[in-house]
Amino acid sequence: MPVKFEDMPFKQPANAPWAEFTILENKEEQITLGRKMVLRTSGFLQIDVFHPLDEGVRKPKKIGNAAADIFANRKFKAETISISFFEKHVMKAPSDGARVRIMSRIFFLYDGERVREGVQHIA
C-alpha cells in the first residue's frame, strides 16, 4: 500500500487504497532539573487509511487497526531518547466522498536528554 509522509512527494492513487502518516506534537517541556535535563514532548501519530468507497469499511478498518497495533503500548529507546506509545483510537473519519477514511491515532510521550553547557557545580 502506498504511504504518504509529510514533506515528501506523493502521487495519490486513483482507485486504490493508500495511507498517510502524520505526527502532531505539543510544545516540549523540561521535566528534570540539573545539568542533564530531560525534555518531554507529547503528541500523537495519526495513520489515515483511504480505501475505495465501493469496497466498504471492514477492510480499511482492519488495516487501520493493524497499523496502529505496530505502535500502541510500545516503547522504543536509544541512547539519550525514548518514545512511549500508549492507547490507540481507530474510527471512521470524514472523507472526500469517493473513499472511506479510517483514522488511527496513537498517543505518545517523547523524552530527549540534553546537557546544558556552562553550568557551574556548587561544592
N, C-alpha and C. Protein backbone atom coordinates (compact mmCIF):
# COMPACT_ATOMS: atom_id res chain seq x y z
N MET A 1 0.84 -1.17 0.00
CA MET A 1 0.00 0.00 0.00
C MET A 1 0.89 1.24 0.00
N PRO A 2 0.69 2.16 -0.93
CA PRO A 2 1.49 3.40 -0.94
C PRO A 2 1.22 4.23 0.32
N VAL A 3 2.26 4.88 0.82
CA VAL A 3 2.14 5.68 2.04
C VAL A 3 2.65 7.09 1.78
N LYS A 4 1.86 8.06 2.19
CA LYS A 4 2.23 9.48 2.09
C LYS A 4 2.82 9.92 3.43
N PHE A 5 4.00 10.56 3.36
CA PHE A 5 4.64 11.13 4.54
C PHE A 5 4.74 12.64 4.36
N GLU A 6 4.75 13.35 5.49
CA GLU A 6 4.86 14.79 5.46
C GLU A 6 6.11 15.25 4.70
N ASP A 7 5.97 16.30 3.91
CA ASP A 7 7.08 16.92 3.17
C ASP A 7 7.79 15.98 2.20
N MET A 8 7.08 14.98 1.70
CA MET A 8 7.65 14.09 0.70
C MET A 8 6.69 14.03 -0.48
N PRO A 9 7.22 14.00 -1.70
CA PRO A 9 6.33 13.93 -2.86
C PRO A 9 5.51 12.64 -2.85
N PHE A 10 4.25 12.76 -3.29
CA PHE A 10 3.36 11.61 -3.29
C PHE A 10 2.31 11.78 -4.37
N LYS A 11 2.11 10.73 -5.15
CA LYS A 11 1.06 10.74 -6.16
C LYS A 11 -0.05 9.83 -5.67
N GLN A 12 -1.18 10.44 -5.36
CA GLN A 12 -2.32 9.71 -4.82
C GLN A 12 -2.88 8.75 -5.86
N PRO A 13 -3.01 7.46 -5.53
CA PRO A 13 -3.58 6.50 -6.48
C PRO A 13 -5.03 6.84 -6.80
N ALA A 14 -5.43 6.63 -8.04
CA ALA A 14 -6.78 6.99 -8.48
C ALA A 14 -7.86 6.14 -7.83
N ASN A 15 -7.76 4.83 -7.91
CA ASN A 15 -8.81 3.99 -7.37
C ASN A 15 -8.22 2.80 -6.61
N ALA A 16 -7.26 3.10 -5.76
CA ALA A 16 -6.60 2.06 -4.97
C ALA A 16 -6.39 2.58 -3.55
N PRO A 17 -6.25 1.69 -2.58
CA PRO A 17 -6.03 2.14 -1.21
C PRO A 17 -4.65 2.77 -1.03
N TRP A 18 -4.56 3.66 -0.07
CA TRP A 18 -3.30 4.28 0.30
C TRP A 18 -3.41 4.78 1.74
N ALA A 19 -2.28 5.13 2.36
CA ALA A 19 -2.27 5.58 3.74
C ALA A 19 -1.45 6.86 3.87
N GLU A 20 -1.69 7.58 4.95
CA GLU A 20 -0.93 8.81 5.24
C GLU A 20 -0.51 8.81 6.70
N PHE A 21 0.77 9.08 6.95
CA PHE A 21 1.31 9.18 8.31
C PHE A 21 1.51 10.65 8.65
N THR A 22 0.99 11.09 9.80
CA THR A 22 1.16 12.46 10.26
C THR A 22 1.51 12.42 11.74
N ILE A 23 2.49 13.23 12.15
CA ILE A 23 2.85 13.33 13.57
C ILE A 23 2.48 14.74 14.03
N LEU A 24 1.67 14.80 15.07
CA LEU A 24 1.27 16.07 15.67
C LEU A 24 1.80 16.10 17.09
N GLU A 25 2.50 17.19 17.43
CA GLU A 25 3.12 17.25 18.75
C GLU A 25 2.85 18.58 19.43
N ASN A 26 2.90 18.55 20.75
CA ASN A 26 2.76 19.75 21.57
C ASN A 26 4.15 20.34 21.81
N LYS A 27 4.18 21.47 22.47
CA LYS A 27 5.44 22.13 22.82
C LYS A 27 6.20 21.28 23.84
N GLU A 28 7.51 21.19 23.67
CA GLU A 28 8.31 20.41 24.62
C GLU A 28 8.37 21.11 25.96
N GLU A 29 8.48 20.30 27.03
CA GLU A 29 8.57 20.82 28.39
C GLU A 29 9.76 20.19 29.09
N GLN A 30 10.46 20.99 29.88
CA GLN A 30 11.56 20.45 30.67
C GLN A 30 10.95 19.75 31.88
N ILE A 31 11.34 18.47 32.12
CA ILE A 31 10.73 17.72 33.22
C ILE A 31 11.73 17.34 34.31
N THR A 32 13.01 17.70 34.15
CA THR A 32 14.00 17.45 35.20
C THR A 32 14.85 18.70 35.40
N LEU A 33 15.55 18.75 36.51
CA LEU A 33 16.46 19.85 36.80
C LEU A 33 17.89 19.34 36.70
N GLY A 34 18.83 20.28 36.65
CA GLY A 34 20.24 19.89 36.65
C GLY A 34 20.89 20.08 35.30
N ARG A 35 22.14 19.67 35.27
CA ARG A 35 22.93 19.83 34.05
C ARG A 35 22.39 18.95 32.92
N LYS A 36 22.07 17.70 33.26
CA LYS A 36 21.44 16.82 32.28
C LYS A 36 19.94 16.96 32.45
N MET A 37 19.31 17.56 31.50
CA MET A 37 17.86 17.75 31.62
C MET A 37 17.13 16.90 30.59
N VAL A 38 15.94 16.52 30.95
CA VAL A 38 15.09 15.75 30.04
C VAL A 38 13.97 16.65 29.56
N LEU A 39 13.81 16.71 28.25
CA LEU A 39 12.73 17.48 27.63
C LEU A 39 11.70 16.49 27.13
N ARG A 40 10.42 16.74 27.44
CA ARG A 40 9.34 15.83 27.05
C ARG A 40 8.40 16.53 26.07
N THR A 41 8.03 15.77 25.06
CA THR A 41 7.05 16.23 24.07
C THR A 41 5.94 15.20 24.01
N SER A 42 4.71 15.67 24.11
CA SER A 42 3.57 14.76 23.95
C SER A 42 2.94 15.01 22.59
N GLY A 43 2.20 14.03 22.12
CA GLY A 43 1.53 14.20 20.83
C GLY A 43 0.89 12.89 20.39
N PHE A 44 0.63 12.80 19.11
CA PHE A 44 0.10 11.55 18.58
C PHE A 44 0.52 11.34 17.14
N LEU A 45 0.63 10.07 16.80
CA LEU A 45 0.86 9.63 15.43
C LEU A 45 -0.52 9.34 14.86
N GLN A 46 -0.82 9.93 13.72
CA GLN A 46 -2.09 9.66 13.06
C GLN A 46 -1.82 8.93 11.75
N ILE A 47 -2.48 7.79 11.60
CA ILE A 47 -2.38 7.00 10.38
C ILE A 47 -3.77 6.98 9.75
N ASP A 48 -3.89 7.64 8.60
CA ASP A 48 -5.15 7.65 7.86
C ASP A 48 -5.07 6.60 6.75
N VAL A 49 -6.07 5.74 6.68
CA VAL A 49 -6.17 4.74 5.62
C VAL A 49 -7.31 5.15 4.71
N PHE A 50 -7.00 5.33 3.44
CA PHE A 50 -8.01 5.71 2.44
C PHE A 50 -8.27 4.50 1.55
N HIS A 51 -9.54 4.18 1.36
CA HIS A 51 -9.91 2.97 0.64
C HIS A 51 -11.09 3.30 -0.28
N PRO A 52 -11.17 2.70 -1.48
CA PRO A 52 -12.31 2.98 -2.36
C PRO A 52 -13.64 2.75 -1.65
N LEU A 53 -14.55 3.67 -1.83
CA LEU A 53 -15.84 3.66 -1.14
C LEU A 53 -16.66 2.41 -1.44
N ASP A 54 -16.57 1.91 -2.66
CA ASP A 54 -17.40 0.77 -3.05
C ASP A 54 -16.95 -0.57 -2.44
N GLU A 55 -15.85 -0.56 -1.69
CA GLU A 55 -15.36 -1.80 -1.08
C GLU A 55 -15.71 -1.90 0.41
N GLY A 56 -16.45 -0.92 0.94
CA GLY A 56 -16.90 -0.98 2.32
C GLY A 56 -15.87 -0.51 3.34
N VAL A 57 -16.21 -0.72 4.62
CA VAL A 57 -15.42 -0.21 5.74
C VAL A 57 -14.59 -1.29 6.44
N ARG A 58 -15.00 -2.53 6.35
CA ARG A 58 -14.36 -3.60 7.12
C ARG A 58 -12.86 -3.73 6.83
N LYS A 59 -12.47 -3.79 5.56
CA LYS A 59 -11.06 -3.99 5.20
C LYS A 59 -10.19 -2.79 5.62
N PRO A 60 -10.59 -1.54 5.31
CA PRO A 60 -9.74 -0.43 5.75
C PRO A 60 -9.65 -0.30 7.27
N LYS A 61 -10.72 -0.66 7.99
CA LYS A 61 -10.67 -0.62 9.45
C LYS A 61 -9.69 -1.67 9.98
N LYS A 62 -9.67 -2.84 9.35
CA LYS A 62 -8.72 -3.89 9.74
C LYS A 62 -7.28 -3.41 9.49
N ILE A 63 -7.05 -2.75 8.37
CA ILE A 63 -5.72 -2.21 8.06
C ILE A 63 -5.34 -1.14 9.07
N GLY A 64 -6.27 -0.24 9.39
CA GLY A 64 -6.02 0.82 10.37
C GLY A 64 -5.67 0.26 11.74
N ASN A 65 -6.38 -0.77 12.16
CA ASN A 65 -6.09 -1.41 13.45
C ASN A 65 -4.72 -2.08 13.42
N ALA A 66 -4.40 -2.77 12.35
CA ALA A 66 -3.10 -3.45 12.24
C ALA A 66 -1.95 -2.45 12.26
N ALA A 67 -2.11 -1.33 11.56
CA ALA A 67 -1.07 -0.30 11.55
C ALA A 67 -0.90 0.31 12.93
N ALA A 68 -2.00 0.59 13.62
CA ALA A 68 -1.93 1.17 14.97
C ALA A 68 -1.30 0.19 15.96
N ASP A 69 -1.57 -1.09 15.78
CA ASP A 69 -1.02 -2.11 16.69
C ASP A 69 0.51 -2.19 16.64
N ILE A 70 1.11 -1.75 15.55
CA ILE A 70 2.57 -1.74 15.45
C ILE A 70 3.17 -0.84 16.52
N PHE A 71 2.46 0.25 16.86
CA PHE A 71 2.97 1.25 17.80
C PHE A 71 2.32 1.21 19.18
N ALA A 72 1.04 0.89 19.26
CA ALA A 72 0.28 1.01 20.51
C ALA A 72 0.93 0.22 21.64
N ASN A 73 1.03 0.88 22.80
CA ASN A 73 1.55 0.26 24.03
C ASN A 73 2.97 -0.28 23.88
N ARG A 74 3.79 0.43 23.12
CA ARG A 74 5.20 0.02 22.94
C ARG A 74 6.12 1.17 23.30
N LYS A 75 7.35 0.82 23.62
CA LYS A 75 8.37 1.81 23.94
C LYS A 75 9.60 1.53 23.10
N PHE A 76 10.14 2.57 22.52
CA PHE A 76 11.36 2.47 21.73
C PHE A 76 12.40 3.37 22.39
N LYS A 77 13.62 2.84 22.57
CA LYS A 77 14.64 3.59 23.27
C LYS A 77 15.97 3.50 22.55
N ALA A 78 16.65 4.64 22.50
CA ALA A 78 18.03 4.72 22.00
C ALA A 78 18.81 5.46 23.08
N GLU A 79 20.08 5.70 22.88
CA GLU A 79 20.96 6.23 23.92
C GLU A 79 20.34 7.31 24.81
N THR A 80 20.00 8.45 24.26
CA THR A 80 19.50 9.55 25.10
C THR A 80 18.07 9.94 24.78
N ILE A 81 17.36 9.10 24.06
CA ILE A 81 15.97 9.39 23.73
C ILE A 81 15.09 8.16 23.94
N SER A 82 13.82 8.41 24.18
CA SER A 82 12.86 7.31 24.24
C SER A 82 11.50 7.84 23.81
N ILE A 83 10.73 6.98 23.23
CA ILE A 83 9.37 7.33 22.86
C ILE A 83 8.46 6.20 23.33
N SER A 84 7.44 6.59 24.07
CA SER A 84 6.47 5.64 24.61
C SER A 84 5.13 5.89 23.96
N PHE A 85 4.63 4.88 23.26
CA PHE A 85 3.30 4.97 22.65
C PHE A 85 2.30 4.35 23.61
N PHE A 86 1.09 4.89 23.61
CA PHE A 86 0.05 4.42 24.52
C PHE A 86 -1.12 3.89 23.73
N GLU A 87 -2.30 4.18 24.19
CA GLU A 87 -3.52 3.64 23.60
C GLU A 87 -3.72 4.09 22.16
N LYS A 88 -4.50 3.30 21.46
CA LYS A 88 -4.86 3.63 20.09
C LYS A 88 -6.35 3.94 20.03
N HIS A 89 -6.70 4.78 19.07
CA HIS A 89 -8.10 5.09 18.78
C HIS A 89 -8.27 4.94 17.28
N VAL A 90 -9.14 4.05 16.86
CA VAL A 90 -9.37 3.80 15.43
C VAL A 90 -10.84 4.06 15.15
N MET A 91 -11.12 4.94 14.17
CA MET A 91 -12.50 5.31 13.87
C MET A 91 -12.67 5.74 12.43
N LYS A 92 -13.89 5.69 11.95
CA LYS A 92 -14.21 6.22 10.63
C LYS A 92 -14.18 7.74 10.74
N ALA A 93 -13.63 8.39 9.72
CA ALA A 93 -13.49 9.84 9.73
C ALA A 93 -14.09 10.43 8.46
N PRO A 94 -14.39 11.74 8.47
CA PRO A 94 -14.91 12.37 7.25
C PRO A 94 -13.91 12.22 6.10
N SER A 95 -14.45 12.08 4.89
CA SER A 95 -13.58 11.95 3.71
C SER A 95 -14.16 12.76 2.56
N ASP A 96 -13.59 12.59 1.40
CA ASP A 96 -13.99 13.38 0.23
C ASP A 96 -15.21 12.81 -0.50
N GLY A 97 -15.78 11.74 -0.01
CA GLY A 97 -16.96 11.14 -0.64
C GLY A 97 -16.64 10.06 -1.66
N ALA A 98 -15.40 10.00 -2.14
CA ALA A 98 -15.01 8.98 -3.10
C ALA A 98 -14.33 7.79 -2.42
N ARG A 99 -13.94 7.97 -1.16
CA ARG A 99 -13.24 6.92 -0.43
C ARG A 99 -13.71 6.88 1.03
N VAL A 100 -13.47 5.74 1.63
CA VAL A 100 -13.62 5.60 3.08
C VAL A 100 -12.31 6.05 3.70
N ARG A 101 -12.40 6.78 4.81
CA ARG A 101 -11.20 7.19 5.54
C ARG A 101 -11.29 6.65 6.96
N ILE A 102 -10.31 5.84 7.33
CA ILE A 102 -10.19 5.33 8.69
C ILE A 102 -9.02 6.04 9.34
N MET A 103 -9.27 6.65 10.49
CA MET A 103 -8.26 7.43 11.19
C MET A 103 -7.83 6.67 12.44
N SER A 104 -6.53 6.38 12.52
CA SER A 104 -5.96 5.71 13.69
C SER A 104 -5.03 6.70 14.38
N ARG A 105 -5.25 6.91 15.67
CA ARG A 105 -4.37 7.78 16.44
C ARG A 105 -3.75 6.97 17.57
N ILE A 106 -2.43 7.16 17.72
CA ILE A 106 -1.69 6.51 18.78
C ILE A 106 -0.95 7.61 19.54
N PHE A 107 -1.29 7.81 20.79
CA PHE A 107 -0.71 8.89 21.59
C PHE A 107 0.67 8.49 22.09
N PHE A 108 1.56 9.51 22.25
CA PHE A 108 2.92 9.21 22.68
C PHE A 108 3.49 10.27 23.59
N LEU A 109 4.57 9.89 24.30
CA LEU A 109 5.45 10.81 25.02
C LEU A 109 6.85 10.57 24.49
N TYR A 110 7.52 11.64 24.10
CA TYR A 110 8.90 11.57 23.60
C TYR A 110 9.79 12.27 24.60
N ASP A 111 10.80 11.59 25.12
CA ASP A 111 11.75 12.18 26.07
C ASP A 111 13.13 12.22 25.42
N GLY A 112 13.75 13.38 25.47
CA GLY A 112 15.10 13.55 24.95
C GLY A 112 15.98 14.22 25.98
N GLU A 113 17.18 13.73 26.15
CA GLU A 113 18.11 14.27 27.14
C GLU A 113 18.98 15.33 26.47
N ARG A 114 19.19 16.42 27.18
CA ARG A 114 20.06 17.48 26.69
C ARG A 114 20.97 17.91 27.84
N VAL A 115 22.24 18.15 27.53
CA VAL A 115 23.20 18.59 28.54
C VAL A 115 23.39 20.09 28.39
N ARG A 116 23.22 20.79 29.50
CA ARG A 116 23.45 22.25 29.49
C ARG A 116 24.93 22.53 29.56
N GLU A 117 25.36 23.44 28.76
CA GLU A 117 26.77 23.84 28.77
C GLU A 117 26.92 25.01 29.74
N GLY A 118 28.08 25.08 30.39
CA GLY A 118 28.40 26.22 31.24
C GLY A 118 27.69 26.24 32.59
N VAL A 119 27.18 25.12 33.03
CA VAL A 119 26.54 25.07 34.35
C VAL A 119 27.62 24.81 35.39
N GLN A 120 27.67 25.67 36.40
CA GLN A 120 28.69 25.52 37.45
C GLN A 120 28.15 24.63 38.56
N HIS A 121 29.00 23.80 39.08
CA HIS A 121 28.63 22.92 40.17
C HIS A 121 29.00 23.57 41.49
N ILE A 122 28.14 23.47 42.48
CA ILE A 122 28.41 24.02 43.81
C ILE A 122 29.05 22.94 44.65
N ALA A 123 30.19 23.26 45.24
CA ALA A 123 30.91 22.26 46.05
C ALA A 123 30.46 22.24 47.47
